[in-house]
Amino acid sequence: MNDDVFLGMELAVARVADELHRVTAAGPSPLRDTEYPDAADVLWRWVDAQEDAAVWAFVRAYTTVADRARVRESLTMDDFYTIMTFARRCVLAALRNEDPGAAEAAFDALSVIDVERVDWRDVVVVASLASYAARRVGLEPDEVLVGAVPRAQQAVGDIIARAVMDDVDIHADWGYRELRTAAGPVLLESDSGLESDDLLNLALRVADLIEDDGTYEVTDAGVAHELPAVWLGNAPDTVEARRKLRGCVKVHAEPVGVRFRDFLLVFVADAAEDAHAEAVAAAARHDGATPQLGIAVGSRCAVAVASSAVVGQPSIEDARSMARFEEPLRSLLAAVVNPPGDG
């Protein structure tokens, strides 16, 4: 059995358990009208979400009631994932505000979870991130061991206890990296460890640039494991440049309010030398059916691609419309390669 099948089975089992639960639930879910937007469930930037108030009120109430099992029974799988989104947001809030209370709230939220009706690995990841945040902001493990752990289902309590007692390395263990930005700390997926902080920050600046255009909303930003040949071809100089890249980040965006149809991808990479950056940019500028940009400034290059995910449907962009991104992207590359004050 391959890993993809195994991963799918874990969630499938949780869904079946959730359907059985719906037949015997103790009552209507207190979170039935609460659902976070997708943009709120990311760690690479902070997005205000009004749903926090309702979930926080529920979690606080849960910590004080006597019959927690009955409360847990009233929740659905969707509710549990809403609560885990809240816990992830508490992790980011703790880091941004140096707030032990937010870190503790993440564990309190996890104590609500029924591990049989979610993918248990999701609980492990969030608990580990919460443990990392707790150590960063000075929350003592004992606070969690006497609070969230005994309130949780046994299996979840064990997960929380192990996490809070471990010295979690979020980069080595989970592929995350804390990055300091002008807006505060964020967590980016970065399992290679090769990307410099300024390259990771550049990905976030590209995300802002794209959303400032007004056409797109960014759905993902972080490390790219490679700069795909599908957008560049296989000319020998391009292949060599791609092979020797020192780091690459990407930003994925889709038209506002329209998912899974059109997309804009922007890759930014550190090349081994200036000639390699220019080779990548030149390959991206090749004539073809897909609207693309290729930009090189020093040893850094950017490739922007607009396409449709629907077979036979053209992109909403063309070469002329894509040109609006060229100078802003070039300016970002130049600002990093030649920071103010450099002669």
Protein backbone atom coordinates (compact mmCIF):
# COMPACT_ATOMS: atom_id res chain seq x y z
CA MET A 1 0.00 0.00 0.00
CA ASN A 2 1.51 3.34 -1.00
CA ASP A 3 1.65 6.40 1.25
CA ASP A 4 -1.07 8.28 -0.65
CA VAL A 5 -3.54 5.44 -0.14
CA PHE A 6 -2.61 5.19 3.55
CA LEU A 7 -3.06 8.92 4.07
CA GLY A 8 -6.47 8.79 2.41
CA MET A 9 -7.57 5.85 4.54
CA GLU A 10 -6.90 7.69 7.80
CA LEU A 11 -9.27 10.49 6.87
CA ALA A 12 -11.81 8.07 5.36
CA VAL A 13 -11.99 6.16 8.64
CA ALA A 14 -12.49 9.44 10.50
CA ARG A 15 -15.35 10.37 8.14
CA VAL A 16 -17.11 7.04 8.72
CA ALA A 17 -16.78 7.49 12.48
CA ASP A 18 -18.20 10.98 12.12
CA GLU A 19 -21.21 9.71 10.16
CA LEU A 20 -21.91 7.14 12.87
CA HIS A 21 -21.61 9.90 15.46
CA ARG A 22 -24.27 11.98 13.70
CA VAL A 23 -26.80 9.24 14.40
CA THR A 24 -26.17 9.34 18.16
CA ALA A 25 -25.08 12.94 18.77
CA ALA A 26 -26.07 14.45 22.11
CA GLY A 27 -27.54 17.60 20.59
CA PRO A 28 -27.01 20.36 18.05
CA SER A 29 -23.42 21.50 17.68
CA PRO A 30 -22.69 24.82 19.41
CA LEU A 31 -20.29 25.59 16.53
CA ARG A 32 -22.67 24.69 13.71
CA ASP A 33 -22.73 28.26 12.37
CA THR A 34 -18.98 28.87 12.68
CA GLU A 35 -16.63 28.26 9.77
CA TYR A 36 -13.30 29.96 9.11
CA PRO A 37 -12.47 31.26 5.63
CA ASP A 38 -9.57 29.46 3.96
CA ALA A 39 -7.38 32.55 4.33
CA ALA A 40 -7.55 32.28 8.13
CA ASP A 41 -6.07 28.77 8.20
CA VAL A 42 -2.51 29.69 7.24
CA LEU A 43 0.61 30.23 9.30
CA TRP A 44 2.63 32.26 6.80
CA ARG A 45 0.72 35.45 7.61
CA TRP A 46 -1.81 36.71 10.13
CA VAL A 47 -5.37 37.32 8.92
CA ASP A 48 -7.95 38.72 11.33
CA ALA A 49 -10.99 36.44 11.63
CA GLN A 50 -14.23 37.23 13.43
CA GLU A 51 -14.76 33.50 14.01
CA ASP A 52 -12.10 33.56 16.73
CA ALA A 53 -14.53 35.13 19.20
CA ALA A 54 -17.10 32.35 18.90
CA VAL A 55 -14.55 29.53 19.06
CA TRP A 56 -12.67 31.10 21.98
CA ALA A 57 -15.93 31.51 23.90
CA PHE A 58 -16.77 27.86 23.25
CA VAL A 59 -13.31 26.62 24.31
CA ARG A 60 -13.41 28.65 27.52
CA ALA A 61 -16.86 27.31 28.34
CA TYR A 62 -15.70 23.76 27.61
CA THR A 63 -12.91 24.05 30.18
CA THR A 64 -15.45 24.81 32.92
CA VAL A 65 -18.28 22.32 32.27
CA ALA A 66 -18.54 19.03 34.11
CA ASP A 67 -19.82 16.79 31.29
CA ARG A 68 -17.16 17.45 28.66
CA ALA A 69 -17.78 14.11 26.97
CA ARG A 70 -21.35 15.16 26.21
CA VAL A 71 -20.16 18.47 24.77
CA ARG A 72 -17.63 16.61 22.63
CA GLU A 73 -20.39 14.30 21.40
CA SER A 74 -22.35 17.28 20.08
CA LEU A 75 -19.53 18.26 17.71
CA THR A 76 -19.01 17.18 14.11
CA MET A 77 -15.83 16.49 12.19
CA ASP A 78 -16.08 19.94 10.62
CA ASP A 79 -16.30 21.43 14.12
CA PHE A 80 -13.14 19.63 15.20
CA TYR A 81 -11.24 21.02 12.23
CA THR A 82 -12.62 24.48 13.01
CA ILE A 83 -11.23 24.06 16.52
CA MET A 84 -7.86 22.93 15.14
CA THR A 85 -7.79 26.00 12.91
CA PHE A 86 -8.34 28.08 16.05
CA ALA A 87 -5.49 26.21 17.79
CA ARG A 88 -3.14 26.92 14.87
CA ARG A 89 -4.13 30.58 15.01
CA CYS A 90 -3.39 30.60 18.74
CA VAL A 91 0.11 29.31 17.96
CA LEU A 92 0.71 32.22 15.60
CA ALA A 93 -0.86 34.71 18.01
CA ALA A 94 1.40 33.47 20.81
CA LEU A 95 4.50 34.00 18.68
CA ARG A 96 3.41 37.39 17.39
CA ASN A 97 2.42 38.79 20.78
CA GLU A 98 4.80 36.85 23.08
CA ASP A 99 1.62 35.64 24.78
CA PRO A 100 1.69 32.51 27.00
CA GLY A 101 -2.09 32.71 27.29
CA ALA A 102 -2.50 32.21 23.55
CA ALA A 103 -0.21 29.17 23.65
CA GLU A 104 -2.25 27.71 26.51
CA ALA A 105 -5.45 28.38 24.54
CA ALA A 106 -4.07 26.25 21.70
CA PHE A 107 -3.75 23.27 24.06
CA ASP A 108 -7.16 23.97 25.60
CA ALA A 109 -8.66 23.87 22.11
CA LEU A 110 -6.96 20.57 21.32
CA SER A 111 -8.41 19.08 24.51
CA VAL A 112 -11.84 19.26 22.86
CA ILE A 113 -10.89 16.97 19.95
CA ASP A 114 -12.27 13.45 19.47
CA VAL A 115 -9.26 11.75 17.91
CA GLU A 116 -11.38 9.01 16.35
CA ARG A 117 -13.22 11.50 14.16
CA VAL A 118 -10.23 13.35 12.72
CA ASP A 119 -6.90 12.32 11.24
CA TRP A 120 -4.89 11.85 14.46
CA ARG A 121 -1.73 13.09 12.75
CA ASP A 122 -3.29 16.53 12.37
CA VAL A 123 -3.62 16.64 16.17
CA VAL A 124 0.03 15.64 16.58
CA VAL A 125 1.25 18.41 14.26
CA VAL A 126 -0.81 21.13 15.94
CA ALA A 127 0.22 19.93 19.40
CA SER A 128 3.88 20.07 18.35
CA LEU A 129 3.50 23.59 16.96
CA ALA A 130 1.77 24.62 20.19
CA SER A 131 4.62 23.11 22.21
CA TYR A 132 7.15 25.09 20.17
CA ALA A 133 5.20 28.30 20.76
CA ALA A 134 4.83 27.51 24.47
CA ARG A 135 8.60 27.22 24.92
CA ARG A 136 9.20 30.36 22.88
CA VAL A 137 6.91 32.48 25.05
CA GLY A 138 7.59 30.92 28.45
CA LEU A 139 4.51 28.78 29.11
CA GLU A 140 5.50 26.12 31.65
CA PRO A 141 4.63 22.49 30.77
CA ASP A 142 2.97 22.04 34.17
CA GLU A 143 0.29 24.56 33.17
CA VAL A 144 -0.72 22.24 30.33
CA LEU A 145 -0.25 18.98 32.21
CA VAL A 146 -2.70 20.03 34.94
CA GLY A 147 -5.05 21.86 32.56
CA ALA A 148 -5.60 20.66 29.00
CA VAL A 149 -4.28 17.12 29.46
CA PRO A 150 -6.79 15.85 32.08
CA ARG A 151 -9.65 17.60 30.25
CA ALA A 152 -8.88 15.77 27.01
CA GLN A 153 -9.87 12.38 25.69
CA GLN A 154 -7.20 9.90 26.84
CA ALA A 155 -5.51 9.55 23.44
CA VAL A 156 -5.50 13.30 22.85
CA GLY A 157 -4.23 13.92 26.38
CA ASP A 158 -1.31 11.58 25.67
CA ILE A 159 -0.51 13.46 22.44
CA ILE A 160 -0.58 16.81 24.23
CA ALA A 161 1.51 15.54 27.16
CA ARG A 162 4.20 14.11 24.88
CA ALA A 163 4.33 17.28 22.82
CA VAL A 164 4.55 19.69 25.74
CA MET A 165 7.36 17.69 27.35
CA ASP A 166 9.38 17.43 24.12
CA ASP A 167 11.91 19.97 22.95
CA VAL A 168 10.23 20.31 19.56
CA ASP A 169 12.36 21.19 16.54
CA ILE A 170 9.70 22.40 14.12
CA HIS A 171 12.16 22.53 11.24
CA ALA A 172 13.68 19.08 11.61
CA ASP A 173 10.48 17.40 12.82
CA TRP A 174 7.76 19.15 10.83
CA GLY A 175 9.38 21.22 8.09
CA TYR A 176 8.40 24.64 9.46
CA ARG A 177 10.61 27.64 9.99
CA GLU A 178 9.89 30.73 12.06
CA LEU A 179 10.53 33.88 10.07
CA ARG A 180 10.69 37.41 11.44
CA THR A 181 8.82 39.86 9.24
CA ALA A 182 7.91 43.54 9.51
CA ALA A 183 4.39 42.45 10.51
CA GLY A 184 5.62 39.98 13.15
CA PRO A 185 6.74 36.34 13.26
CA VAL A 186 5.21 33.80 10.88
CA LEU A 187 5.72 30.10 10.22
CA LEU A 188 6.66 28.99 6.72
CA GLU A 189 6.98 25.47 5.40
CA SER A 190 10.70 25.14 4.64
CA ASP A 191 11.92 21.58 4.90
CA SER A 192 15.06 22.05 2.79
CA GLY A 193 16.62 24.72 5.00
CA LEU A 194 18.52 26.20 2.05
CA GLU A 195 16.41 29.31 1.59
CA SER A 196 17.76 32.51 3.11
CA ASP A 197 15.53 34.63 5.33
CA ASP A 198 15.48 37.41 2.75
CA LEU A 199 14.31 34.98 0.03
CA LEU A 200 11.50 33.77 2.29
CA ASN A 201 10.58 37.37 3.11
CA LEU A 202 10.60 38.09 -0.61
CA ALA A 203 7.93 35.43 -1.12
CA LEU A 204 5.69 37.30 1.32
CA ARG A 205 6.36 40.59 -0.46
CA VAL A 206 5.44 38.97 -3.77
CA ALA A 207 2.21 37.75 -2.16
CA ASP A 208 1.39 41.33 -1.15
CA LEU A 209 2.22 42.59 -4.64
CA ILE A 210 -0.14 40.08 -6.25
CA GLU A 211 -3.03 40.85 -3.92
CA ASP A 212 -2.52 44.60 -4.30
CA ASP A 213 -3.31 44.11 -7.99
CA GLY A 214 -6.89 43.26 -6.97
CA THR A 215 -7.41 40.33 -9.35
CA TYR A 216 -6.07 37.51 -7.22
CA GLU A 217 -6.03 36.19 -3.68
CA VAL A 218 -2.97 34.25 -2.56
CA THR A 219 -3.71 30.69 -1.50
CA ASP A 220 -0.17 29.58 -0.66
CA ALA A 221 3.29 31.03 -0.19
CA GLY A 222 6.44 29.24 0.82
CA VAL A 223 9.29 27.06 -0.32
CA ALA A 224 9.30 25.41 -3.75
CA HIS A 225 11.25 22.16 -3.96
CA GLU A 226 12.20 23.00 -7.53
CA LEU A 227 11.59 25.39 -10.37
CA PRO A 228 9.56 23.07 -12.65
CA ALA A 229 10.95 22.34 -16.10
CA VAL A 230 7.43 22.38 -17.54
CA TRP A 231 7.57 26.18 -17.54
CA LEU A 232 11.16 26.45 -18.76
CA GLY A 233 11.98 23.67 -21.18
CA ASN A 234 15.08 21.53 -21.20
CA ALA A 235 17.80 23.57 -22.88
CA PRO A 236 21.20 22.54 -21.43
CA ASP A 237 21.96 25.93 -19.84
CA THR A 238 18.51 26.03 -18.22
CA VAL A 239 18.83 22.48 -16.89
CA GLU A 240 22.20 23.35 -15.34
CA ALA A 241 20.83 26.57 -13.82
CA ARG A 242 17.86 24.74 -12.30
CA ARG A 243 20.07 21.99 -10.92
CA LYS A 244 22.35 24.46 -9.15
CA LEU A 245 19.68 26.71 -7.62
CA ARG A 246 20.53 27.68 -4.04
CA GLY A 247 16.91 28.18 -3.02
CA CYS A 248 13.47 28.71 -4.49
CA VAL A 249 10.16 30.04 -3.17
CA LYS A 250 6.74 30.24 -4.76
CA VAL A 251 3.45 32.09 -4.46
CA HIS A 252 0.21 30.54 -5.71
CA ALA A 253 -2.85 32.72 -6.30
CA GLU A 254 -6.33 32.33 -7.76
CA PRO A 255 -8.89 34.91 -8.90
CA VAL A 256 -10.82 36.44 -6.00
CA GLY A 257 -13.88 34.33 -5.24
CA VAL A 258 -13.11 31.69 -7.89
CA ARG A 259 -11.28 28.54 -6.82
CA PHE A 260 -9.71 25.70 -8.80
CA ARG A 261 -10.07 27.25 -12.26
CA ASP A 262 -7.39 29.83 -13.07
CA PHE A 263 -4.14 30.41 -11.24
CA LEU A 264 -1.09 32.64 -11.12
CA LEU A 265 2.23 31.16 -10.01
CA VAL A 266 5.31 33.20 -9.20
CA PHE A 267 8.64 31.53 -8.46
CA VAL A 268 11.63 33.45 -7.10
CA ALA A 269 14.99 31.70 -6.99
CA ASP A 270 18.58 32.28 -5.93
CA ALA A 271 20.81 31.10 -8.76
CA ALA A 272 24.41 29.99 -8.38
CA GLU A 273 25.56 32.86 -10.60
CA ASP A 274 24.18 35.77 -12.62
CA ALA A 275 24.37 33.86 -15.91
CA HIS A 276 22.20 31.09 -14.48
CA ALA A 277 19.56 33.59 -13.35
CA GLU A 278 19.46 35.08 -16.84
CA ALA A 279 19.22 31.61 -18.42
CA VAL A 280 16.15 30.83 -16.30
CA ALA A 281 14.54 34.19 -17.08
CA ALA A 282 15.21 33.80 -20.81
CA ALA A 283 13.70 30.31 -20.82
CA ALA A 284 10.56 31.64 -19.12
CA ARG A 285 10.20 34.28 -21.83
CA HIS A 286 9.98 31.71 -24.61
CA ASP A 287 7.09 32.00 -27.03
CA GLY A 288 4.33 29.60 -26.08
CA ALA A 289 0.66 29.15 -25.31
CA THR A 290 1.05 29.98 -21.61
CA PRO A 291 1.43 33.65 -20.57
CA GLN A 292 4.76 33.88 -18.71
CA LEU A 293 7.30 36.38 -17.46
CA GLY A 294 11.00 35.87 -16.83
CA ILE A 295 13.03 38.44 -14.89
CA ALA A 296 16.63 38.39 -13.71
CA VAL A 297 18.42 40.86 -11.45
CA GLY A 298 21.91 39.78 -10.51
CA SER A 299 21.83 36.18 -9.31
CA ARG A 300 18.15 36.27 -8.44
CA CYS A 301 15.38 35.46 -10.90
CA ALA A 302 11.58 35.39 -11.00
CA VAL A 303 9.26 33.34 -13.19
CA ALA A 304 5.55 34.19 -13.35
CA VAL A 305 3.05 31.86 -15.01
CA ALA A 306 -0.68 32.33 -15.60
CA SER A 307 -2.71 29.30 -16.63
CA SER A 308 -6.04 27.54 -16.38
CA ALA A 309 -6.66 24.33 -14.48
CA VAL A 310 -9.51 23.48 -16.87
CA VAL A 311 -8.46 21.56 -19.97
CA GLY A 312 -9.12 23.54 -23.13
CA GLN A 313 -9.89 26.79 -21.30
CA PRO A 314 -7.47 29.67 -21.88
CA SER A 315 -5.99 31.66 -19.03
CA ILE A 316 -7.65 34.91 -17.99
CA GLU A 317 -4.25 36.50 -18.67
CA ASP A 318 -2.32 37.01 -21.89
CA ALA A 319 1.16 38.32 -22.63
CA ARG A 320 -0.05 41.92 -22.66
CA SER A 321 -1.93 41.74 -19.35
CA MET A 322 0.90 39.85 -17.63
CA ALA A 323 3.24 42.73 -18.42
CA ARG A 324 1.73 44.73 -15.54
CA PHE A 325 3.60 42.49 -13.10
CA GLU A 326 7.02 42.82 -14.73
CA GLU A 327 8.29 46.11 -13.32
CA PRO A 328 6.89 45.57 -9.79
CA LEU A 329 8.59 42.16 -9.66
CA ARG A 330 11.81 43.59 -11.05
CA SER A 331 11.72 46.32 -8.40
CA LEU A 332 11.33 43.74 -5.63
CA LEU A 333 14.28 41.73 -6.92
CA ALA A 334 16.41 44.86 -7.24
CA ALA A 335 15.49 46.08 -3.76
CA VAL A 336 16.79 42.84 -2.25
CA VAL A 337 19.82 42.40 -4.48
CA ASN A 338 20.77 46.10 -4.13
CA PRO A 339 19.39 47.22 -0.73
CA PRO A 340 19.24 50.95 0.07
CA GLY A 341 22.63 52.35 0.99
CA ASP A 342 24.61 49.98 -1.21
CA GLY A 343 26.88 51.77 -3.57
